[in-house]
Amino acid sequence: MKPAIYLLRDDDVHAADRGFKTVFELCMQEGIPVTYAAIPSRITPGLVEFLLRHKRHRRMFDIVQHGWTHANHNKASRWPRYEFGPLRSFAAQKLDMARGFKKLRAAFGPLFTPAFVPPFHQYDANTWRAAQVLEYRVFSAGPQKFPSPKTGCRYWHAHLGINEYDADYRSLPLSLPRLLRETARLIGTRPVVGAYFHHSTLDPANLGVFRDYLRVLRRLTDEGWIKPMTFSAWHKTVQQ
């Protein structure tokens, strides 16, 4: 059986704090590539320096765009939260997307992959249209709402949320059995599997579960069940 492509994404990246460095090193140790979704307006010089220092390991990580400020622009109701959504015009959304693109390109140069992850996984037709106009290669969120063009920007569905939260967005304990069950289901039914997490909410206990999950991913890779990739590596395969 052909291995399922497995894409792992870390959201809300902006600083090279201890939590980020720990996750970065764990993923490197287990040989699992990660796509880091960075918030452009909040990236620190320390993050830029840290990632540029590791550019020799380029095949192990991508840097992509996670919105612009990660602000919630839905003032009409508590849910859904969104930075890019129906209360914002095409022009406003395109402007913020272009700002973020320009800042990340300037900071990271060729390490930046032109891919867009809307905060909170929320977007509308204007967001999707702006992504085509700005020539992003990949757009990643929840279930796809609009058809992909035959060429250009490709949609990547993030199926599996590794972290779990309560109604007030407080982090809950990670369940390794749940992660294994969902991963097995996905790789058995889909050619491309997407998972995402937030390193910032991995407390010591959850970090231990995450480490165990990475080790399972390593075994699945070695046994030929999955083929982990970054966004940029995956995009090359779909363009061929």
C-alpha atoms as a PDB file:
ATOM      1  CA  MET A   1       0.000   0.000   0.000  1.00  0.00           C
ATOM      2  CA  LYS A   2       1.242   3.470  -0.877  1.00  0.00           C
ATOM      3  CA  PRO A   3       2.074   5.465   2.291  1.00  0.00           C
ATOM      4  CA  ALA A   4      -0.222   8.341   3.196  1.00  0.00           C
ATOM      5  CA  ILE A   5       1.388  11.757   3.027  1.00  0.00           C
ATOM      6  CA  TYR A   6       1.379  13.216   6.551  1.00  0.00           C
ATOM      7  CA  LEU A   7       1.579  16.978   7.088  1.00  0.00           C
ATOM      8  CA  LEU A   8       2.169  18.336  10.601  1.00  0.00           C
ATOM      9  CA  ARG A   9       1.627  22.031  11.360  1.00  0.00           C
ATOM     10  CA  ASP A  10       2.445  24.106  14.461  1.00  0.00           C
ATOM     11  CA  ASP A  11       0.324  27.267  14.786  1.00  0.00           C
ATOM     12  CA  ASP A  12       0.762  30.651  16.504  1.00  0.00           C
ATOM     13  CA  VAL A  13       4.549  30.661  16.149  1.00  0.00           C
ATOM     14  CA  HIS A  14       6.102  34.033  16.945  1.00  0.00           C
ATOM     15  CA  ALA A  15       8.959  33.685  19.465  1.00  0.00           C
ATOM     16  CA  ALA A  16      11.838  31.291  20.058  1.00  0.00           C
ATOM     17  CA  ASP A  17      10.822  30.654  23.657  1.00  0.00           C
ATOM     18  CA  ARG A  18      11.597  27.490  25.568  1.00  0.00           C
ATOM     19  CA  GLY A  19       8.360  25.796  24.523  1.00  0.00           C
ATOM     20  CA  PHE A  20       9.010  26.396  20.843  1.00  0.00           C
ATOM     21  CA  LYS A  21      12.638  25.300  21.012  1.00  0.00           C
ATOM     22  CA  THR A  22      11.683  22.131  22.891  1.00  0.00           C
ATOM     23  CA  VAL A  23       9.127  21.134  20.250  1.00  0.00           C
ATOM     24  CA  PHE A  24      11.494  22.067  17.419  1.00  0.00           C
ATOM     25  CA  GLU A  25      14.220  19.854  18.861  1.00  0.00           C
ATOM     26  CA  LEU A  26      11.828  16.951  19.578  1.00  0.00           C
ATOM     27  CA  CYS A  27      10.566  16.933  16.009  1.00  0.00           C
ATOM     28  CA  MET A  28      14.115  17.115  14.678  1.00  0.00           C
ATOM     29  CA  GLN A  29      15.190  14.209  16.896  1.00  0.00           C
ATOM     30  CA  GLU A  30      12.328  12.013  15.676  1.00  0.00           C
ATOM     31  CA  GLY A  31      12.841  13.059  12.069  1.00  0.00           C
ATOM     32  CA  ILE A  32       9.304  14.418  11.632  1.00  0.00           C
ATOM     33  CA  PRO A  33       9.124  17.505   9.371  1.00  0.00           C
ATOM     34  CA  VAL A  34       6.973  20.364  10.667  1.00  0.00           C
ATOM     35  CA  THR A  35       5.390  23.373   9.005  1.00  0.00           C
ATOM     36  CA  TYR A  36       5.580  26.360  11.374  1.00  0.00           C
ATOM     37  CA  ALA A  37       2.729  28.854  10.904  1.00  0.00           C
ATOM     38  CA  ALA A  38       4.111  32.223  12.043  1.00  0.00           C
ATOM     39  CA  ILE A  39       2.079  35.310  12.998  1.00  0.00           C
ATOM     40  CA  PRO A  40       3.806  38.029  10.906  1.00  0.00           C
ATOM     41  CA  SER A  41       3.115  41.095  13.052  1.00  0.00           C
ATOM     42  CA  ARG A  42       4.377  39.330  16.182  1.00  0.00           C
ATOM     43  CA  ILE A  43       7.543  37.540  15.065  1.00  0.00           C
ATOM     44  CA  THR A  44      10.555  38.397  17.213  1.00  0.00           C
ATOM     45  CA  PRO A  45      14.173  38.884  16.130  1.00  0.00           C
ATOM     46  CA  GLY A  46      15.001  35.871  18.293  1.00  0.00           C
ATOM     47  CA  LEU A  47      12.694  33.613  16.271  1.00  0.00           C
ATOM     48  CA  VAL A  48      14.149  34.844  12.991  1.00  0.00           C
ATOM     49  CA  GLU A  49      17.702  34.291  14.220  1.00  0.00           C
ATOM     50  CA  PHE A  50      16.892  30.818  15.589  1.00  0.00           C
ATOM     51  CA  LEU A  51      15.289  29.541  12.388  1.00  0.00           C
ATOM     52  CA  LEU A  52      17.892  31.069  10.087  1.00  0.00           C
ATOM     53  CA  ARG A  53      20.568  29.401  12.200  1.00  0.00           C
ATOM     54  CA  HIS A  54      18.945  26.044  11.407  1.00  0.00           C
ATOM     55  CA  LYS A  55      18.614  26.618   7.663  1.00  0.00           C
ATOM     56  CA  ARG A  56      20.957  23.684   6.989  1.00  0.00           C
ATOM     57  CA  HIS A  57      18.034  21.507   8.131  1.00  0.00           C
ATOM     58  CA  ARG A  58      15.733  23.134   5.567  1.00  0.00           C
ATOM     59  CA  ARG A  59      14.041  19.904   4.524  1.00  0.00           C
ATOM     60  CA  MET A  60      12.837  19.382   8.119  1.00  0.00           C
ATOM     61  CA  PHE A  61      10.749  22.539   8.441  1.00  0.00           C
ATOM     62  CA  ASP A  62       8.735  25.145   6.583  1.00  0.00           C
ATOM     63  CA  ILE A  63       7.811  28.661   7.651  1.00  0.00           C
ATOM     64  CA  VAL A  64       4.365  29.768   6.450  1.00  0.00           C
ATOM     65  CA  GLN A  65       1.992  32.657   7.164  1.00  0.00           C
ATOM     66  CA  HIS A  66      -0.604  32.535   9.946  1.00  0.00           C
ATOM     67  CA  GLY A  67      -2.787  35.576   9.326  1.00  0.00           C
ATOM     68  CA  TRP A  68      -1.393  39.028  10.071  1.00  0.00           C
ATOM     69  CA  THR A  69      -2.029  39.870  13.756  1.00  0.00           C
ATOM     70  CA  HIS A  70      -4.200  36.877  14.799  1.00  0.00           C
ATOM     71  CA  ALA A  71      -6.824  39.386  16.000  1.00  0.00           C
ATOM     72  CA  ASN A  72     -10.505  38.498  16.278  1.00  0.00           C
ATOM     73  CA  HIS A  73     -12.530  40.784  13.985  1.00  0.00           C
ATOM     74  CA  ASN A  74     -15.913  39.264  14.762  1.00  0.00           C
ATOM     75  CA  LYS A  75     -17.427  41.847  17.105  1.00  0.00           C
ATOM     76  CA  ALA A  76     -21.000  40.767  16.409  1.00  0.00           C
ATOM     77  CA  SER A  77     -20.916  37.521  18.398  1.00  0.00           C
ATOM     78  CA  ARG A  78     -18.628  35.368  20.521  1.00  0.00           C
ATOM     79  CA  TRP A  79     -18.379  32.620  17.899  1.00  0.00           C
ATOM     80  CA  PRO A  80     -16.963  32.073  15.423  1.00  0.00           C
ATOM     81  CA  ARG A  81     -13.771  33.998  15.984  1.00  0.00           C
ATOM     82  CA  TYR A  82     -11.971  35.093  12.844  1.00  0.00           C
ATOM     83  CA  GLU A  83      -9.332  37.458  11.548  1.00  0.00           C
ATOM     84  CA  PHE A  84     -10.454  36.822   7.971  1.00  0.00           C
ATOM     85  CA  GLY A  85     -14.202  36.533   7.520  1.00  0.00           C
ATOM     86  CA  PRO A  86     -17.541  38.026   6.432  1.00  0.00           C
ATOM     87  CA  LEU A  87     -17.321  41.353   8.270  1.00  0.00           C
ATOM     88  CA  ARG A  88     -14.127  42.243   6.379  1.00  0.00           C
ATOM     89  CA  SER A  89     -13.963  43.328   2.752  1.00  0.00           C
ATOM     90  CA  PHE A  90     -11.845  41.736   0.052  1.00  0.00           C
ATOM     91  CA  ALA A  91      -9.581  44.807   0.025  1.00  0.00           C
ATOM     92  CA  ALA A  92      -9.030  44.743   3.801  1.00  0.00           C
ATOM     93  CA  GLN A  93      -8.284  41.036   3.839  1.00  0.00           C
ATOM     94  CA  LYS A  94      -5.954  41.230   0.848  1.00  0.00           C
ATOM     95  CA  LEU A  95      -4.064  44.145   2.427  1.00  0.00           C
ATOM     96  CA  ASP A  96      -3.407  42.258   5.669  1.00  0.00           C
ATOM     97  CA  MET A  97      -2.442  39.083   3.826  1.00  0.00           C
ATOM     98  CA  ALA A  98      -0.018  41.039   1.633  1.00  0.00           C
ATOM     99  CA  ARG A  99       1.500  42.764   4.681  1.00  0.00           C
ATOM    100  CA  GLY A 100       2.185  39.442   6.324  1.00  0.00           C
ATOM    101  CA  PHE A 101       3.570  37.916   3.146  1.00  0.00           C
ATOM    102  CA  LYS A 102       5.978  40.829   2.679  1.00  0.00           C
ATOM    103  CA  LYS A 103       7.180  40.765   6.288  1.00  0.00           C
ATOM    104  CA  LEU A 104       7.846  37.022   6.388  1.00  0.00           C
ATOM    105  CA  ARG A 105       9.567  37.070   3.001  1.00  0.00           C
ATOM    106  CA  ALA A 106      11.822  39.899   4.180  1.00  0.00           C
ATOM    107  CA  ALA A 107      12.604  38.151   7.478  1.00  0.00           C
ATOM    108  CA  PHE A 108      13.193  34.597   6.270  1.00  0.00           C
ATOM    109  CA  GLY A 109      13.985  34.908   2.567  1.00  0.00           C
ATOM    110  CA  PRO A 110      13.955  31.511   0.824  1.00  0.00           C
ATOM    111  CA  LEU A 111      13.046  29.769   4.089  1.00  0.00           C
ATOM    112  CA  PHE A 112       9.548  31.260   3.784  1.00  0.00           C
ATOM    113  CA  THR A 113       7.040  29.151   1.855  1.00  0.00           C
ATOM    114  CA  PRO A 114       4.156  31.218   0.405  1.00  0.00           C
ATOM    115  CA  ALA A 115       1.343  29.389   2.155  1.00  0.00           C
ATOM    116  CA  PHE A 116      -1.520  30.865   4.171  1.00  0.00           C
ATOM    117  CA  VAL A 117      -3.187  29.560   7.340  1.00  0.00           C
ATOM    118  CA  PRO A 118      -6.161  31.705   8.464  1.00  0.00           C
ATOM    119  CA  PRO A 119      -6.321  32.072  12.264  1.00  0.00           C
ATOM    120  CA  PHE A 120      -9.077  30.078  13.952  1.00  0.00           C
ATOM    121  CA  HIS A 121      -9.438  28.152  10.650  1.00  0.00           C
ATOM    122  CA  GLN A 122     -12.064  30.707   9.600  1.00  0.00           C
ATOM    123  CA  TYR A 123     -12.225  32.294   6.147  1.00  0.00           C
ATOM    124  CA  ASP A 124     -14.696  33.279   3.444  1.00  0.00           C
ATOM    125  CA  ALA A 125     -14.832  33.698  -0.334  1.00  0.00           C
ATOM    126  CA  ASN A 126     -12.862  36.963  -0.119  1.00  0.00           C
ATOM    127  CA  THR A 127     -10.020  35.257   1.751  1.00  0.00           C
ATOM    128  CA  TRP A 128      -9.871  32.447  -0.783  1.00  0.00           C
ATOM    129  CA  ARG A 129      -9.957  34.905  -3.689  1.00  0.00           C
ATOM    130  CA  ALA A 130      -7.169  37.006  -2.146  1.00  0.00           C
ATOM    131  CA  ALA A 131      -5.041  33.882  -1.754  1.00  0.00           C
ATOM    132  CA  GLN A 132      -5.320  33.274  -5.504  1.00  0.00           C
ATOM    133  CA  VAL A 133      -4.527  36.893  -6.372  1.00  0.00           C
ATOM    134  CA  LEU A 134      -1.487  36.969  -4.076  1.00  0.00           C
ATOM    135  CA  GLU A 135      -0.291  33.665  -5.548  1.00  0.00           C
ATOM    136  CA  TYR A 136       0.042  31.603  -2.397  1.00  0.00           C
ATOM    137  CA  ARG A 137       1.012  28.016  -3.148  1.00  0.00           C
ATOM    138  CA  VAL A 138      -0.954  26.421  -0.297  1.00  0.00           C
ATOM    139  CA  PHE A 139      -4.008  27.435   1.759  1.00  0.00           C
ATOM    140  CA  SER A 140      -4.614  25.421   4.933  1.00  0.00           C
ATOM    141  CA  ALA A 141      -7.614  25.346   7.276  1.00  0.00           C
ATOM    142  CA  GLY A 142     -10.540  23.074   8.123  1.00  0.00           C
ATOM    143  CA  PRO A 143     -12.929  21.517   5.578  1.00  0.00           C
ATOM    144  CA  GLN A 144     -12.588  23.118   2.146  1.00  0.00           C
ATOM    145  CA  LYS A 145     -15.414  25.547   1.265  1.00  0.00           C
ATOM    146  CA  PHE A 146     -14.493  26.541  -2.287  1.00  0.00           C
ATOM    147  CA  PRO A 147     -13.110  24.585  -5.257  1.00  0.00           C
ATOM    148  CA  SER A 148      -9.388  24.695  -5.996  1.00  0.00           C
ATOM    149  CA  PRO A 149      -8.107  26.085  -9.295  1.00  0.00           C
ATOM    150  CA  LYS A 150      -6.540  23.616 -11.704  1.00  0.00           C
ATOM    151  CA  THR A 151      -3.153  25.243 -11.121  1.00  0.00           C
ATOM    152  CA  GLY A 152      -1.732  27.553  -8.482  1.00  0.00           C
ATOM    153  CA  CYS A 153      -2.907  27.579  -4.860  1.00  0.00           C
ATOM    154  CA  ARG A 154      -3.651  24.136  -3.427  1.00  0.00           C
ATOM    155  CA  TYR A 155      -5.905  23.496  -0.439  1.00  0.00           C
ATOM    156  CA  TRP A 156      -4.663  21.419   2.487  1.00  0.00           C
ATOM    157  CA  HIS A 157      -7.276  20.196   4.965  1.00  0.00           C
ATOM    158  CA  ALA A 158      -6.003  19.983   8.551  1.00  0.00           C
ATOM    159  CA  HIS A 159      -8.047  16.981   9.684  1.00  0.00           C
ATOM    160  CA  LEU A 160      -6.656  16.254  13.144  1.00  0.00           C
ATOM    161  CA  GLY A 161      -6.374  18.764  15.969  1.00  0.00           C
ATOM    162  CA  ILE A 162      -3.775  17.389  18.365  1.00  0.00           C
ATOM    163  CA  ASN A 163      -4.590  19.767  21.228  1.00  0.00           C
ATOM    164  CA  GLU A 164      -7.992  19.752  22.901  1.00  0.00           C
ATOM    165  CA  TYR A 165      -9.640  22.708  24.679  1.00  0.00           C
ATOM    166  CA  ASP A 166     -12.731  23.422  26.734  1.00  0.00           C
ATOM    167  CA  ALA A 167     -15.359  26.065  25.897  1.00  0.00           C
ATOM    168  CA  ASP A 168     -13.197  28.795  27.441  1.00  0.00           C
ATOM    169  CA  TYR A 169     -10.163  27.705  25.412  1.00  0.00           C
ATOM    170  CA  ARG A 170      -8.381  26.166  28.379  1.00  0.00           C
ATOM    171  CA  SER A 171      -6.053  23.337  27.414  1.00  0.00           C
ATOM    172  CA  LEU A 172      -7.242  19.802  28.228  1.00  0.00           C
ATOM    173  CA  PRO A 173      -5.064  16.698  28.751  1.00  0.00           C
ATOM    174  CA  LEU A 174      -3.916  15.095  25.508  1.00  0.00           C
ATOM    175  CA  SER A 175      -5.171  11.573  24.876  1.00  0.00           C
ATOM    176  CA  LEU A 176      -2.638   9.339  23.132  1.00  0.00           C
ATOM    177  CA  PRO A 177      -5.289   6.647  22.436  1.00  0.00           C
ATOM    178  CA  ARG A 178      -7.450   9.268  20.693  1.00  0.00           C
ATOM    179  CA  LEU A 179      -4.521  10.490  18.607  1.00  0.00           C
ATOM    180  CA  LEU A 180      -3.563   6.956  17.586  1.00  0.00           C
ATOM    181  CA  ARG A 181      -7.150   6.008  16.790  1.00  0.00           C
ATOM    182  CA  GLU A 182      -7.753   9.103  14.665  1.00  0.00           C
ATOM    183  CA  THR A 183      -4.382   8.830  12.918  1.00  0.00           C
ATOM    184  CA  ALA A 184      -5.027   5.178  12.043  1.00  0.00           C
ATOM    185  CA  ARG A 185      -8.470   6.049  10.680  1.00  0.00           C
ATOM    186  CA  LEU A 186      -7.137   8.881   8.562  1.00  0.00           C
ATOM    187  CA  ILE A 187      -4.153   7.070   7.063  1.00  0.00           C
ATOM    188  CA  GLY A 188      -6.453   4.178   6.233  1.00  0.00           C
ATOM    189  CA  THR A 189      -8.909   6.343   4.312  1.00  0.00           C
ATOM    190  CA  ARG A 190      -7.050   9.372   2.913  1.00  0.00           C
ATOM    191  CA  PRO A 191      -4.004   9.816   0.664  1.00  0.00           C
ATOM    192  CA  VAL A 192      -3.043  13.041   2.464  1.00  0.00           C
ATOM    193  CA  VAL A 193      -3.470  13.454   6.225  1.00  0.00           C
ATOM    194  CA  GLY A 194      -3.211  16.796   7.996  1.00  0.00           C
ATOM    195  CA  ALA A 195      -2.593  17.393  11.700  1.00  0.00           C
ATOM    196  CA  TYR A 196      -2.002  20.622  13.588  1.00  0.00           C
ATOM    197  CA  PHE A 197      -1.078  21.650  17.120  1.00  0.00           C
ATOM    198  CA  HIS A 198      -0.156  24.628  19.284  1.00  0.00           C
ATOM    199  CA  HIS A 199       3.185  24.263  21.054  1.00  0.00           C
ATOM    200  CA  SER A 200       2.235  27.158  23.343  1.00  0.00           C
ATOM    201  CA  THR A 201      -0.406  25.066  25.151  1.00  0.00           C
ATOM    202  CA  LEU A 202       1.674  21.930  25.626  1.00  0.00           C
ATOM    203  CA  ASP A 203       2.230  21.848  29.389  1.00  0.00           C
ATOM    204  CA  PRO A 204       4.766  19.295  30.750  1.00  0.00           C
ATOM    205  CA  ALA A 205       2.219  16.455  30.863  1.00  0.00           C
ATOM    206  CA  ASN A 206       0.877  17.163  27.384  1.00  0.00           C
ATOM    207  CA  LEU A 207       4.404  17.563  26.063  1.00  0.00           C
ATOM    208  CA  GLY A 208       5.137  14.021  27.220  1.00  0.00           C
ATOM    209  CA  VAL A 209       2.120  12.700  25.306  1.00  0.00           C
ATOM    210  CA  PHE A 210       3.145  14.713  22.261  1.00  0.00           C
ATOM    211  CA  ARG A 211       6.619  13.182  22.444  1.00  0.00           C
ATOM    212  CA  ASP A 212       5.089   9.708  22.524  1.00  0.00           C
ATOM    213  CA  TYR A 213       2.939  10.580  19.519  1.00  0.00           C
ATOM    214  CA  LEU A 214       6.003  11.722  17.568  1.00  0.00           C
ATOM    215  CA  ARG A 215       7.655   8.391  18.297  1.00  0.00           C
ATOM    216  CA  VAL A 216       4.620   6.567  16.925  1.00  0.00           C
ATOM    217  CA  LEU A 217       4.810   8.729  13.800  1.00  0.00           C
ATOM    218  CA  ARG A 218       8.450   7.729  13.461  1.00  0.00           C
ATOM    219  CA  ARG A 219       7.519   4.038  13.626  1.00  0.00           C
ATOM    220  CA  LEU A 220       4.718   4.513  11.105  1.00  0.00           C
ATOM    221  CA  THR A 221       7.231   6.205   8.815  1.00  0.00           C
ATOM    222  CA  ASP A 222       9.801   3.431   9.188  1.00  0.00           C
ATOM    223  CA  GLU A 223       7.132   0.787   8.516  1.00  0.00           C
ATOM    224  CA  GLY A 224       5.950   2.548   5.362  1.00  0.00           C
ATOM    225  CA  TRP A 225       2.500   3.642   6.550  1.00  0.00           C
ATOM    226  CA  ILE A 226       3.107   7.387   6.270  1.00  0.00           C
ATOM    227  CA  LYS A 227       5.454   9.778   4.513  1.00  0.00           C
ATOM    228  CA  PRO A 228       5.798  12.993   6.555  1.00  0.00           C
ATOM    229  CA  MET A 229       6.331  16.152   4.510  1.00  0.00           C
ATOM    230  CA  THR A 230       6.427  19.922   4.775  1.00  0.00           C
ATOM    231  CA  PHE A 231       3.979  22.083   2.820  1.00  0.00           C
ATOM    232  CA  SER A 232       6.632  22.939   0.232  1.00  0.00           C
ATOM    233  CA  ALA A 233       7.598  19.298  -0.334  1.00  0.00           C
ATOM    234  CA  TRP A 234       3.937  18.292  -0.692  1.00  0.00           C
ATOM    235  CA  HIS A 235       3.228  21.141  -3.101  1.00  0.00           C
ATOM    236  CA  LYS A 236       5.995  19.891  -5.380  1.00  0.00           C
ATOM    237  CA  THR A 237       4.351  16.459  -5.542  1.00  0.00           C
ATOM    238  CA  VAL A 238       0.925  17.826  -6.515  1.00  0.00           C
ATOM    239  CA  GLN A 239       2.415  20.104  -9.164  1.00  0.00           C
ATOM    240  CA  GLN A 240       4.209  17.246 -10.915  1.00  0.00           C
END
